[in-house]
mmCIF file of all heavy atoms, coordinates in Angstrom:
data_MODEL
# 
_entry.id   MODEL 
# 
loop_
_atom_site.group_PDB 
_atom_site.id 
_atom_site.type_symbol 
_atom_site.label_atom_id 
_atom_site.label_alt_id 
_atom_site.label_comp_id 
_atom_site.label_asym_id 
_atom_site.label_entity_id 
_atom_site.label_seq_id 
_atom_site.pdbx_PDB_ins_code 
_atom_site.Cartn_x 
_atom_site.Cartn_y 
_atom_site.Cartn_z 
_atom_site.occupancy 
_atom_site.B_iso_or_equiv 
_atom_site.pdbx_formal_charge 
_atom_site.auth_seq_id 
_atom_site.auth_comp_id 
_atom_site.auth_asym_id 
_atom_site.auth_atom_id 
_atom_site.pdbx_PDB_model_num 
ATOM 1   N N   . VAL A 1 1  ? -5.750  6.942  -12.735 1.00 0.00 ? 1  VAL A N   1 
ATOM 2   C CA  . VAL A 1 1  ? -6.177  8.313  -12.575 1.00 0.00 ? 1  VAL A CA  1 
ATOM 3   C C   . VAL A 1 1  ? -4.990  9.128  -12.128 1.00 0.00 ? 1  VAL A C   1 
ATOM 4   O O   . VAL A 1 1  ? -4.012  8.586  -11.676 1.00 0.00 ? 1  VAL A O   1 
ATOM 5   C CB  . VAL A 1 1  ? -7.330  8.351  -11.385 1.00 0.00 ? 1  VAL A CB  1 
ATOM 6   C CG1 . VAL A 1 1  ? -8.487  7.666  -11.845 1.00 0.00 ? 1  VAL A CG1 1 
ATOM 7   C CG2 . VAL A 1 1  ? -6.820  7.874  -10.084 1.00 0.00 ? 1  VAL A CG2 1 
ATOM 8   N N   . PRO A 1 2  ? -5.063  10.491 -12.134 1.00 0.00 ? 2  PRO A N   1 
ATOM 9   C CA  . PRO A 1 2  ? -3.959  11.312 -11.652 1.00 0.00 ? 2  PRO A CA  1 
ATOM 10  C C   . PRO A 1 2  ? -3.890  11.255 -10.195 1.00 0.00 ? 2  PRO A C   1 
ATOM 11  O O   . PRO A 1 2  ? -4.943  10.981 -9.542  1.00 0.00 ? 2  PRO A O   1 
ATOM 12  C CB  . PRO A 1 2  ? -4.367  12.763 -12.136 1.00 0.00 ? 2  PRO A CB  1 
ATOM 13  C CG  . PRO A 1 2  ? -5.458  12.678 -12.949 1.00 0.00 ? 2  PRO A CG  1 
ATOM 14  C CD  . PRO A 1 2  ? -6.050  11.295 -12.816 1.00 0.00 ? 2  PRO A CD  1 
ATOM 15  N N   . PRO A 1 3  ? -2.708  11.316 -9.469  1.00 0.00 ? 3  PRO A N   1 
ATOM 16  C CA  . PRO A 1 3  ? -2.559  11.144 -8.108  1.00 0.00 ? 3  PRO A CA  1 
ATOM 17  C C   . PRO A 1 3  ? -3.479  12.101 -7.240  1.00 0.00 ? 3  PRO A C   1 
ATOM 18  O O   . PRO A 1 3  ? -4.062  11.641 -6.230  1.00 0.00 ? 3  PRO A O   1 
ATOM 19  C CB  . PRO A 1 3  ? -1.186  11.573 -7.734  1.00 0.00 ? 3  PRO A CB  1 
ATOM 20  C CG  . PRO A 1 3  ? -0.354  11.186 -9.085  1.00 0.00 ? 3  PRO A CG  1 
ATOM 21  C CD  . PRO A 1 3  ? -1.413  11.493 -10.223 1.00 0.00 ? 3  PRO A CD  1 
ATOM 22  N N   . TYR A 1 4  ? -3.812  13.304 -7.699  1.00 0.00 ? 4  TYR A N   1 
ATOM 23  C CA  . TYR A 1 4  ? -4.592  14.239 -6.930  1.00 0.00 ? 4  TYR A CA  1 
ATOM 24  C C   . TYR A 1 4  ? -5.998  13.738 -6.831  1.00 0.00 ? 4  TYR A C   1 
ATOM 25  O O   . TYR A 1 4  ? -6.760  14.114 -5.980  1.00 0.00 ? 4  TYR A O   1 
ATOM 26  C CB  . TYR A 1 4  ? -4.535  15.510 -7.411  1.00 0.00 ? 4  TYR A CB  1 
ATOM 27  C CG  . TYR A 1 4  ? -5.274  15.854 -8.818  1.00 0.00 ? 4  TYR A CG  1 
ATOM 28  C CD1 . TYR A 1 4  ? -6.686  15.962 -8.918  1.00 0.00 ? 4  TYR A CD1 1 
ATOM 29  C CD2 . TYR A 1 4  ? -4.493  15.775 -10.005 1.00 0.00 ? 4  TYR A CD2 1 
ATOM 30  C CE1 . TYR A 1 4  ? -7.245  16.169 -10.206 1.00 0.00 ? 4  TYR A CE1 1 
ATOM 31  C CE2 . TYR A 1 4  ? -5.101  15.984 -11.225 1.00 0.00 ? 4  TYR A CE2 1 
ATOM 32  C CZ  . TYR A 1 4  ? -6.573  16.168 -11.171 1.00 0.00 ? 4  TYR A CZ  1 
ATOM 33  O OH  . TYR A 1 4  ? -7.119  16.268 -12.528 1.00 0.00 ? 4  TYR A OH  1 
ATOM 34  N N   . VAL A 1 5  ? -6.446  12.778 -7.703  1.00 0.00 ? 5  VAL A N   1 
ATOM 35  C CA  . VAL A 1 5  ? -7.818  12.265 -7.658  1.00 0.00 ? 5  VAL A CA  1 
ATOM 36  C C   . VAL A 1 5  ? -7.832  11.263 -6.491  1.00 0.00 ? 5  VAL A C   1 
ATOM 37  O O   . VAL A 1 5  ? -8.901  11.187 -5.864  1.00 0.00 ? 5  VAL A O   1 
ATOM 38  C CB  . VAL A 1 5  ? -8.203  11.470 -8.907  1.00 0.00 ? 5  VAL A CB  1 
ATOM 39  C CG1 . VAL A 1 5  ? -9.447  10.785 -8.843  1.00 0.00 ? 5  VAL A CG1 1 
ATOM 40  C CG2 . VAL A 1 5  ? -8.282  12.476 -10.054 1.00 0.00 ? 5  VAL A CG2 1 
ATOM 41  N N   . ILE A 1 6  ? -6.800  10.597 -6.132  1.00 0.00 ? 6  ILE A N   1 
ATOM 42  C CA  . ILE A 1 6  ? -6.624  9.774  -4.916  1.00 0.00 ? 6  ILE A CA  1 
ATOM 43  C C   . ILE A 1 6  ? -6.791  10.616 -3.679  1.00 0.00 ? 6  ILE A C   1 
ATOM 44  O O   . ILE A 1 6  ? -7.802  10.510 -2.908  1.00 0.00 ? 6  ILE A O   1 
ATOM 45  C CB  . ILE A 1 6  ? -5.453  8.938  -4.896  1.00 0.00 ? 6  ILE A CB  1 
ATOM 46  C CG1 . ILE A 1 6  ? -5.196  8.160  -6.167  1.00 0.00 ? 6  ILE A CG1 1 
ATOM 47  C CG2 . ILE A 1 6  ? -5.507  7.944  -3.703  1.00 0.00 ? 6  ILE A CG2 1 
ATOM 48  C CD1 . ILE A 1 6  ? -6.130  6.941  -6.406  1.00 0.00 ? 6  ILE A CD1 1 
ATOM 49  N N   . PHE A 1 7  ? -5.874  11.484 -3.477  1.00 0.00 ? 7  PHE A N   1 
ATOM 50  C CA  . PHE A 1 7  ? -5.873  12.364 -2.323  1.00 0.00 ? 7  PHE A CA  1 
ATOM 51  C C   . PHE A 1 7  ? -4.969  13.684 -2.735  1.00 0.00 ? 7  PHE A C   1 
ATOM 52  O O   . PHE A 1 7  ? -3.960  13.436 -3.357  1.00 0.00 ? 7  PHE A O   1 
ATOM 53  C CB  . PHE A 1 7  ? -5.303  11.842 -0.981  1.00 0.00 ? 7  PHE A CB  1 
ATOM 54  C CG  . PHE A 1 7  ? -6.292  10.837 -0.400  1.00 0.00 ? 7  PHE A CG  1 
ATOM 55  C CD1 . PHE A 1 7  ? -5.806  9.545  -0.074  1.00 0.00 ? 7  PHE A CD1 1 
ATOM 56  C CD2 . PHE A 1 7  ? -7.538  11.150 -0.041  1.00 0.00 ? 7  PHE A CD2 1 
ATOM 57  C CE1 . PHE A 1 7  ? -6.585  8.681  0.589   1.00 0.00 ? 7  PHE A CE1 1 
ATOM 58  C CE2 . PHE A 1 7  ? -8.467  10.239 0.551   1.00 0.00 ? 7  PHE A CE2 1 
ATOM 59  C CZ  . PHE A 1 7  ? -7.944  9.007  0.957   1.00 0.00 ? 7  PHE A CZ  1 
ATOM 60  N N   . HIS A 1 8  ? -5.463  14.829 -2.398  1.00 0.00 ? 8  HIS A N   1 
ATOM 61  C CA  . HIS A 1 8  ? -4.578  16.013 -2.647  1.00 0.00 ? 8  HIS A CA  1 
ATOM 62  C C   . HIS A 1 8  ? -3.471  16.117 -1.639  1.00 0.00 ? 8  HIS A C   1 
ATOM 63  O O   . HIS A 1 8  ? -3.515  15.409 -0.542  1.00 0.00 ? 8  HIS A O   1 
ATOM 64  C CB  . HIS A 1 8  ? -5.521  17.318 -2.431  1.00 0.00 ? 8  HIS A CB  1 
ATOM 65  C CG  . HIS A 1 8  ? -6.372  17.481 -3.621  1.00 0.00 ? 8  HIS A CG  1 
ATOM 66  N ND1 . HIS A 1 8  ? -6.052  18.152 -4.835  1.00 0.00 ? 8  HIS A ND1 1 
ATOM 67  C CD2 . HIS A 1 8  ? -7.806  17.340 -3.641  1.00 0.00 ? 8  HIS A CD2 1 
ATOM 68  C CE1 . HIS A 1 8  ? -7.083  18.158 -5.521  1.00 0.00 ? 8  HIS A CE1 1 
ATOM 69  N NE2 . HIS A 1 8  ? -8.061  17.585 -4.931  1.00 0.00 ? 8  HIS A NE2 1 
ATOM 70  N N   . ASP A 1 9  ? -2.408  16.874 -1.940  1.00 0.00 ? 9  ASP A N   1 
ATOM 71  C CA  . ASP A 1 9  ? -1.336  17.048 -1.021  1.00 0.00 ? 9  ASP A CA  1 
ATOM 72  C C   . ASP A 1 9  ? -1.605  17.431 0.347   1.00 0.00 ? 9  ASP A C   1 
ATOM 73  O O   . ASP A 1 9  ? -1.257  16.992 1.377   1.00 0.00 ? 9  ASP A O   1 
ATOM 74  C CB  . ASP A 1 9  ? -0.255  18.068 -1.552  1.00 0.00 ? 9  ASP A CB  1 
ATOM 75  C CG  . ASP A 1 9  ? 0.656   17.447 -2.576  1.00 0.00 ? 9  ASP A CG  1 
ATOM 76  O OD1 . ASP A 1 9  ? 0.678   16.279 -2.843  1.00 0.00 ? 9  ASP A OD1 1 
ATOM 77  O OD2 . ASP A 1 9  ? 1.587   18.152 -3.073  1.00 0.00 ? 9  ASP A OD2 1 
ATOM 78  N N   . ALA A 1 10 ? -2.731  18.401 0.440   1.00 0.00 ? 10 ALA A N   1 
ATOM 79  C CA  . ALA A 1 10 ? -3.221  18.840 1.557   1.00 0.00 ? 10 ALA A CA  1 
ATOM 80  C C   . ALA A 1 10 ? -3.819  17.782 2.666   1.00 0.00 ? 10 ALA A C   1 
ATOM 81  O O   . ALA A 1 10 ? -3.442  17.714 3.774   1.00 0.00 ? 10 ALA A O   1 
ATOM 82  C CB  . ALA A 1 10 ? -4.279  19.937 1.498   1.00 0.00 ? 10 ALA A CB  1 
ATOM 83  N N   . THR A 1 11 ? -4.352  16.775 2.028   1.00 0.00 ? 11 THR A N   1 
ATOM 84  C CA  . THR A 1 11 ? -4.842  15.598 2.639   1.00 0.00 ? 11 THR A CA  1 
ATOM 85  C C   . THR A 1 11 ? -3.800  14.753 3.176   1.00 0.00 ? 11 THR A C   1 
ATOM 86  O O   . THR A 1 11 ? -3.735  14.296 4.380   1.00 0.00 ? 11 THR A O   1 
ATOM 87  C CB  . THR A 1 11 ? -5.769  14.827 1.782   1.00 0.00 ? 11 THR A CB  1 
ATOM 88  O OG1 . THR A 1 11 ? -6.876  15.594 1.248   1.00 0.00 ? 11 THR A OG1 1 
ATOM 89  C CG2 . THR A 1 11 ? -6.375  13.554 2.448   1.00 0.00 ? 11 THR A CG2 1 
ATOM 90  N N   . LEU A 1 12 ? -2.739  14.590 2.337   1.00 0.00 ? 12 LEU A N   1 
ATOM 91  C CA  . LEU A 1 12 ? -1.577  13.809 2.882   1.00 0.00 ? 12 LEU A CA  1 
ATOM 92  C C   . LEU A 1 12 ? -0.740  14.526 3.991   1.00 0.00 ? 12 LEU A C   1 
ATOM 93  O O   . LEU A 1 12 ? -0.346  13.834 4.868   1.00 0.00 ? 12 LEU A O   1 
ATOM 94  C CB  . LEU A 1 12 ? -0.700  13.531 1.615   1.00 0.00 ? 12 LEU A CB  1 
ATOM 95  C CG  . LEU A 1 12 ? -1.093  12.653 0.472   1.00 0.00 ? 12 LEU A CG  1 
ATOM 96  C CD1 . LEU A 1 12 ? 0.032   12.335 -0.538  1.00 0.00 ? 12 LEU A CD1 1 
ATOM 97  C CD2 . LEU A 1 12 ? -1.762  11.385 1.011   1.00 0.00 ? 12 LEU A CD2 1 
ATOM 98  N N   . ARG A 1 13 ? -0.795  15.818 3.875   1.00 0.00 ? 13 ARG A N   1 
ATOM 99  C CA  . ARG A 1 13 ? -0.112  16.699 4.941   1.00 0.00 ? 13 ARG A CA  1 
ATOM 100 C C   . ARG A 1 13 ? -0.876  16.479 6.310   1.00 0.00 ? 13 ARG A C   1 
ATOM 101 O O   . ARG A 1 13 ? -0.220  16.308 7.317   1.00 0.00 ? 13 ARG A O   1 
ATOM 102 C CB  . ARG A 1 13 ? 0.068   18.117 4.495   1.00 0.00 ? 13 ARG A CB  1 
ATOM 103 C CG  . ARG A 1 13 ? 1.074   18.534 3.665   1.00 0.00 ? 13 ARG A CG  1 
ATOM 104 C CD  . ARG A 1 13 ? 1.338   19.957 3.538   1.00 0.00 ? 13 ARG A CD  1 
ATOM 105 N NE  . ARG A 1 13 ? 2.154   20.189 2.366   1.00 0.00 ? 13 ARG A NE  1 
ATOM 106 C CZ  . ARG A 1 13 ? 1.491   20.683 1.194   1.00 0.00 ? 13 ARG A CZ  1 
ATOM 107 N NH1 . ARG A 1 13 ? 0.332   21.012 1.134   1.00 0.00 ? 13 ARG A NH1 1 
ATOM 108 N NH2 . ARG A 1 13 ? 2.253   20.817 0.068   1.00 0.00 ? 13 ARG A NH2 1 
ATOM 109 N N   . GLN A 1 14 ? -2.134  16.510 6.169   1.00 0.00 ? 14 GLN A N   1 
ATOM 110 C CA  . GLN A 1 14 ? -2.868  16.268 7.400   1.00 0.00 ? 14 GLN A CA  1 
ATOM 111 C C   . GLN A 1 14 ? -2.703  14.870 7.967   1.00 0.00 ? 14 GLN A C   1 
ATOM 112 O O   . GLN A 1 14 ? -2.622  14.760 9.241   1.00 0.00 ? 14 GLN A O   1 
ATOM 113 C CB  . GLN A 1 14 ? -4.401  16.511 7.134   1.00 0.00 ? 14 GLN A CB  1 
ATOM 114 C CG  . GLN A 1 14 ? -5.166  16.754 8.432   1.00 0.00 ? 14 GLN A CG  1 
ATOM 115 C CD  . GLN A 1 14 ? -6.705  16.927 8.213   1.00 0.00 ? 14 GLN A CD  1 
ATOM 116 O OE1 . GLN A 1 14 ? -7.142  17.458 7.210   1.00 0.00 ? 14 GLN A OE1 1 
ATOM 117 N NE2 . GLN A 1 14 ? -7.432  16.936 9.296   1.00 0.00 ? 14 GLN A NE2 1 
ATOM 118 N N   . MET A 1 15 ? -2.707  13.802 7.116   1.00 0.00 ? 15 MET A N   1 
ATOM 119 C CA  . MET A 1 15 ? -2.333  12.576 7.542   1.00 0.00 ? 15 MET A CA  1 
ATOM 120 C C   . MET A 1 15 ? -0.949  12.429 8.301   1.00 0.00 ? 15 MET A C   1 
ATOM 121 O O   . MET A 1 15 ? -0.822  11.776 9.334   1.00 0.00 ? 15 MET A O   1 
ATOM 122 C CB  . MET A 1 15 ? -2.304  11.407 6.362   1.00 0.00 ? 15 MET A CB  1 
ATOM 123 C CG  . MET A 1 15 ? -3.689  11.067 5.799   1.00 0.00 ? 15 MET A CG  1 
ATOM 124 S SD  . MET A 1 15 ? -3.343  9.942  4.521   1.00 0.00 ? 15 MET A SD  1 
ATOM 125 C CE  . MET A 1 15 ? -5.004  10.049 3.662   1.00 0.00 ? 15 MET A CE  1 
ATOM 126 N N   . LEU A 1 16 ? -0.017  13.197 7.622   1.00 0.00 ? 16 LEU A N   1 
ATOM 127 C CA  . LEU A 1 16 ? 1.331   13.129 8.211   1.00 0.00 ? 16 LEU A CA  1 
ATOM 128 C C   . LEU A 1 16 ? 1.192   13.890 9.560   1.00 0.00 ? 16 LEU A C   1 
ATOM 129 O O   . LEU A 1 16 ? 1.990   13.327 10.594  1.00 0.00 ? 16 LEU A O   1 
ATOM 130 C CB  . LEU A 1 16 ? 2.213   14.054 7.283   1.00 0.00 ? 16 LEU A CB  1 
ATOM 131 C CG  . LEU A 1 16 ? 3.712   14.098 7.585   1.00 0.00 ? 16 LEU A CG  1 
ATOM 132 C CD1 . LEU A 1 16 ? 4.340   12.625 7.435   1.00 0.00 ? 16 LEU A CD1 1 
ATOM 133 C CD2 . LEU A 1 16 ? 4.414   15.073 6.579   1.00 0.00 ? 16 LEU A CD2 1 
ATOM 134 N N   . ALA A 1 17 ? 0.545   14.876 9.797   1.00 0.00 ? 17 ALA A N   1 
ATOM 135 C CA  . ALA A 1 17 ? 0.499   15.634 10.977  1.00 0.00 ? 17 ALA A CA  1 
ATOM 136 C C   . ALA A 1 17 ? -0.210  14.868 12.082  1.00 0.00 ? 17 ALA A C   1 
ATOM 137 O O   . ALA A 1 17 ? 0.154   14.761 13.179  1.00 0.00 ? 17 ALA A O   1 
ATOM 138 C CB  . ALA A 1 17 ? -0.240  16.938 10.855  1.00 0.00 ? 17 ALA A CB  1 
ATOM 139 N N   . GLU A 1 18 ? -1.316  14.248 11.753  1.00 0.00 ? 18 GLU A N   1 
ATOM 140 C CA  . GLU A 1 18 ? -2.139  13.611 12.659  1.00 0.00 ? 18 GLU A CA  1 
ATOM 141 C C   . GLU A 1 18 ? -1.920  12.171 12.982  1.00 0.00 ? 18 GLU A C   1 
ATOM 142 O O   . GLU A 1 18 ? -2.382  11.505 14.006  1.00 0.00 ? 18 GLU A O   1 
ATOM 143 C CB  . GLU A 1 18 ? -3.659  13.863 12.339  1.00 0.00 ? 18 GLU A CB  1 
ATOM 144 C CG  . GLU A 1 18 ? -4.041  15.309 12.343  1.00 0.00 ? 18 GLU A CG  1 
ATOM 145 C CD  . GLU A 1 18 ? -5.561  15.642 12.114  1.00 0.00 ? 18 GLU A CD  1 
ATOM 146 O OE1 . GLU A 1 18 ? -6.377  14.714 12.202  1.00 0.00 ? 18 GLU A OE1 1 
ATOM 147 O OE2 . GLU A 1 18 ? -5.873  16.725 11.814  1.00 0.00 ? 18 GLU A OE2 1 
ATOM 148 N N   . ARG A 1 19 ? -1.320  11.455 11.895  1.00 0.00 ? 19 ARG A N   1 
ATOM 149 C CA  . ARG A 1 19 ? -1.120  10.080 11.993  1.00 0.00 ? 19 ARG A CA  1 
ATOM 150 C C   . ARG A 1 19 ? -2.238  9.101  12.428  1.00 0.00 ? 19 ARG A C   1 
ATOM 151 O O   . ARG A 1 19 ? -2.156  8.560  13.545  1.00 0.00 ? 19 ARG A O   1 
ATOM 152 C CB  . ARG A 1 19 ? 0.068   9.721  12.888  1.00 0.00 ? 19 ARG A CB  1 
ATOM 153 C CG  . ARG A 1 19 ? 1.475   10.557 12.504  1.00 0.00 ? 19 ARG A CG  1 
ATOM 154 C CD  . ARG A 1 19 ? 2.086   9.928  11.397  1.00 0.00 ? 19 ARG A CD  1 
ATOM 155 N NE  . ARG A 1 19 ? 3.145   10.800 10.998  1.00 0.00 ? 19 ARG A NE  1 
ATOM 156 C CZ  . ARG A 1 19 ? 4.516   10.495 11.088  1.00 0.00 ? 19 ARG A CZ  1 
ATOM 157 N NH1 . ARG A 1 19 ? 4.888   9.299  11.829  1.00 0.00 ? 19 ARG A NH1 1 
ATOM 158 N NH2 . ARG A 1 19 ? 5.428   11.329 10.715  1.00 0.00 ? 19 ARG A NH2 1 
ATOM 159 N N   . PRO A 1 20 ? -3.356  9.224  11.772  1.00 0.00 ? 20 PRO A N   1 
ATOM 160 C CA  . PRO A 1 20 ? -4.479  8.445  12.307  1.00 0.00 ? 20 PRO A CA  1 
ATOM 161 C C   . PRO A 1 20 ? -4.100  6.970  12.237  1.00 0.00 ? 20 PRO A C   1 
ATOM 162 O O   . PRO A 1 20 ? -3.374  6.452  11.386  1.00 0.00 ? 20 PRO A O   1 
ATOM 163 C CB  . PRO A 1 20 ? -5.564  8.705  11.166  1.00 0.00 ? 20 PRO A CB  1 
ATOM 164 C CG  . PRO A 1 20 ? -4.802  9.165  9.990   1.00 0.00 ? 20 PRO A CG  1 
ATOM 165 C CD  . PRO A 1 20 ? -3.690  9.897  10.522  1.00 0.00 ? 20 PRO A CD  1 
ATOM 166 N N   . ALA A 1 21 ? -4.573  6.299  13.337  1.00 0.00 ? 21 ALA A N   1 
ATOM 167 C CA  . ALA A 1 21 ? -4.229  4.847  13.407  1.00 0.00 ? 21 ALA A CA  1 
ATOM 168 C C   . ALA A 1 21 ? -5.311  3.878  13.082  1.00 0.00 ? 21 ALA A C   1 
ATOM 169 O O   . ALA A 1 21 ? -5.069  2.686  12.938  1.00 0.00 ? 21 ALA A O   1 
ATOM 170 C CB  . ALA A 1 21 ? -3.831  4.626  14.916  1.00 0.00 ? 21 ALA A CB  1 
ATOM 171 N N   . ASP A 1 22 ? -6.513  4.367  12.719  1.00 0.00 ? 22 ASP A N   1 
ATOM 172 C CA  . ASP A 1 22 ? -7.575  3.474  12.388  1.00 0.00 ? 22 ASP A CA  1 
ATOM 173 C C   . ASP A 1 22 ? -8.574  4.202  11.335  1.00 0.00 ? 22 ASP A C   1 
ATOM 174 O O   . ASP A 1 22 ? -8.337  5.399  11.046  1.00 0.00 ? 22 ASP A O   1 
ATOM 175 C CB  . ASP A 1 22 ? -8.249  2.991  13.602  1.00 0.00 ? 22 ASP A CB  1 
ATOM 176 C CG  . ASP A 1 22 ? -8.815  4.199  14.401  1.00 0.00 ? 22 ASP A CG  1 
ATOM 177 O OD1 . ASP A 1 22 ? -9.041  5.306  13.972  1.00 0.00 ? 22 ASP A OD1 1 
ATOM 178 O OD2 . ASP A 1 22 ? -9.072  3.968  15.672  1.00 0.00 ? 22 ASP A OD2 1 
ATOM 179 N N   . ARG A 1 23 ? -9.495  3.402  10.917  1.00 0.00 ? 23 ARG A N   1 
ATOM 180 C CA  . ARG A 1 23 ? -10.332 4.057  9.966   1.00 0.00 ? 23 ARG A CA  1 
ATOM 181 C C   . ARG A 1 23 ? -11.191 5.171  10.348  1.00 0.00 ? 23 ARG A C   1 
ATOM 182 O O   . ARG A 1 23 ? -11.324 6.222  9.679   1.00 0.00 ? 23 ARG A O   1 
ATOM 183 C CB  . ARG A 1 23 ? -11.365 2.839  9.517   1.00 0.00 ? 23 ARG A CB  1 
ATOM 184 C CG  . ARG A 1 23 ? -10.740 1.795  8.676   1.00 0.00 ? 23 ARG A CG  1 
ATOM 185 C CD  . ARG A 1 23 ? -11.682 0.616  8.362   1.00 0.00 ? 23 ARG A CD  1 
ATOM 186 N NE  . ARG A 1 23 ? -12.934 0.984  7.711   1.00 0.00 ? 23 ARG A NE  1 
ATOM 187 C CZ  . ARG A 1 23 ? -13.070 1.040  6.384   1.00 0.00 ? 23 ARG A CZ  1 
ATOM 188 N NH1 . ARG A 1 23 ? -11.984 0.630  5.601   1.00 0.00 ? 23 ARG A NH1 1 
ATOM 189 N NH2 . ARG A 1 23 ? -14.178 1.389  5.818   1.00 0.00 ? 23 ARG A NH2 1 
ATOM 190 N N   . GLU A 1 24 ? -11.551 5.228  11.703  1.00 0.00 ? 24 GLU A N   1 
ATOM 191 C CA  . GLU A 1 24 ? -12.200 6.466  12.229  1.00 0.00 ? 24 GLU A CA  1 
ATOM 192 C C   . GLU A 1 24 ? -11.481 7.583  12.189  1.00 0.00 ? 24 GLU A C   1 
ATOM 193 O O   . GLU A 1 24 ? -11.862 8.629  11.911  1.00 0.00 ? 24 GLU A O   1 
ATOM 194 C CB  . GLU A 1 24 ? -12.589 6.108  13.842  1.00 0.00 ? 24 GLU A CB  1 
ATOM 195 C CG  . GLU A 1 24 ? -13.896 5.364  14.018  1.00 0.00 ? 24 GLU A CG  1 
ATOM 196 C CD  . GLU A 1 24 ? -15.150 5.914  13.338  1.00 0.00 ? 24 GLU A CD  1 
ATOM 197 O OE1 . GLU A 1 24 ? -15.509 7.096  13.415  1.00 0.00 ? 24 GLU A OE1 1 
ATOM 198 O OE2 . GLU A 1 24 ? -15.630 5.255  12.449  1.00 0.00 ? 24 GLU A OE2 1 
ATOM 199 N N   . GLY A 1 25 ? -10.188 7.431  12.539  1.00 0.00 ? 25 GLY A N   1 
ATOM 200 C CA  . GLY A 1 25 ? -9.175  8.577  12.584  1.00 0.00 ? 25 GLY A CA  1 
ATOM 201 C C   . GLY A 1 25 ? -9.019  9.095  11.176  1.00 0.00 ? 25 GLY A C   1 
ATOM 202 O O   . GLY A 1 25 ? -8.862  10.387 10.921  1.00 0.00 ? 25 GLY A O   1 
ATOM 203 N N   . LEU A 1 26 ? -8.959  8.202  10.137  1.00 0.00 ? 26 LEU A N   1 
ATOM 204 C CA  . LEU A 1 26 ? -8.635  8.564  8.846   1.00 0.00 ? 26 LEU A CA  1 
ATOM 205 C C   . LEU A 1 26 ? -9.872  9.344  8.290   1.00 0.00 ? 26 LEU A C   1 
ATOM 206 O O   . LEU A 1 26 ? -9.626  10.292 7.508   1.00 0.00 ? 26 LEU A O   1 
ATOM 207 C CB  . LEU A 1 26 ? -8.364  7.230  8.043   1.00 0.00 ? 26 LEU A CB  1 
ATOM 208 C CG  . LEU A 1 26 ? -7.758  7.441  6.726   1.00 0.00 ? 26 LEU A CG  1 
ATOM 209 C CD1 . LEU A 1 26 ? -6.244  8.158  6.863   1.00 0.00 ? 26 LEU A CD1 1 
ATOM 210 C CD2 . LEU A 1 26 ? -7.433  6.124  5.997   1.00 0.00 ? 26 LEU A CD2 1 
ATOM 211 N N   . LEU A 1 27 ? -11.144 8.932  8.676   1.00 0.00 ? 27 LEU A N   1 
ATOM 212 C CA  . LEU A 1 27 ? -12.303 9.592  8.333   1.00 0.00 ? 27 LEU A CA  1 
ATOM 213 C C   . LEU A 1 27 ? -12.324 10.942 8.835   1.00 0.00 ? 27 LEU A C   1 
ATOM 214 O O   . LEU A 1 27 ? -13.035 11.955 8.125   1.00 0.00 ? 27 LEU A O   1 
ATOM 215 C CB  . LEU A 1 27 ? -13.490 8.838  8.736   1.00 0.00 ? 27 LEU A CB  1 
ATOM 216 C CG  . LEU A 1 27 ? -14.825 8.981  8.065   1.00 0.00 ? 27 LEU A CG  1 
ATOM 217 C CD1 . LEU A 1 27 ? -14.643 8.808  6.533   1.00 0.00 ? 27 LEU A CD1 1 
ATOM 218 C CD2 . LEU A 1 27 ? -15.833 8.002  8.578   1.00 0.00 ? 27 LEU A CD2 1 
ATOM 219 N N   . GLY A 1 28 ? -11.523 11.345 9.823   1.00 0.00 ? 28 GLY A N   1 
ATOM 220 C CA  . GLY A 1 28 ? -11.499 12.661 10.338  1.00 0.00 ? 28 GLY A CA  1 
ATOM 221 C C   . GLY A 1 28 ? -10.612 13.558 9.559   1.00 0.00 ? 28 GLY A C   1 
ATOM 222 O O   . GLY A 1 28 ? -10.558 14.848 9.883   1.00 0.00 ? 28 GLY A O   1 
# 
């Protein structure tokens, strides 16, 4: 699939900013 189907850049940017450490954090 195209990369954006996995996650959009905005989602990756939020991961980068928040650095979730577990599944709960990632779900946020």
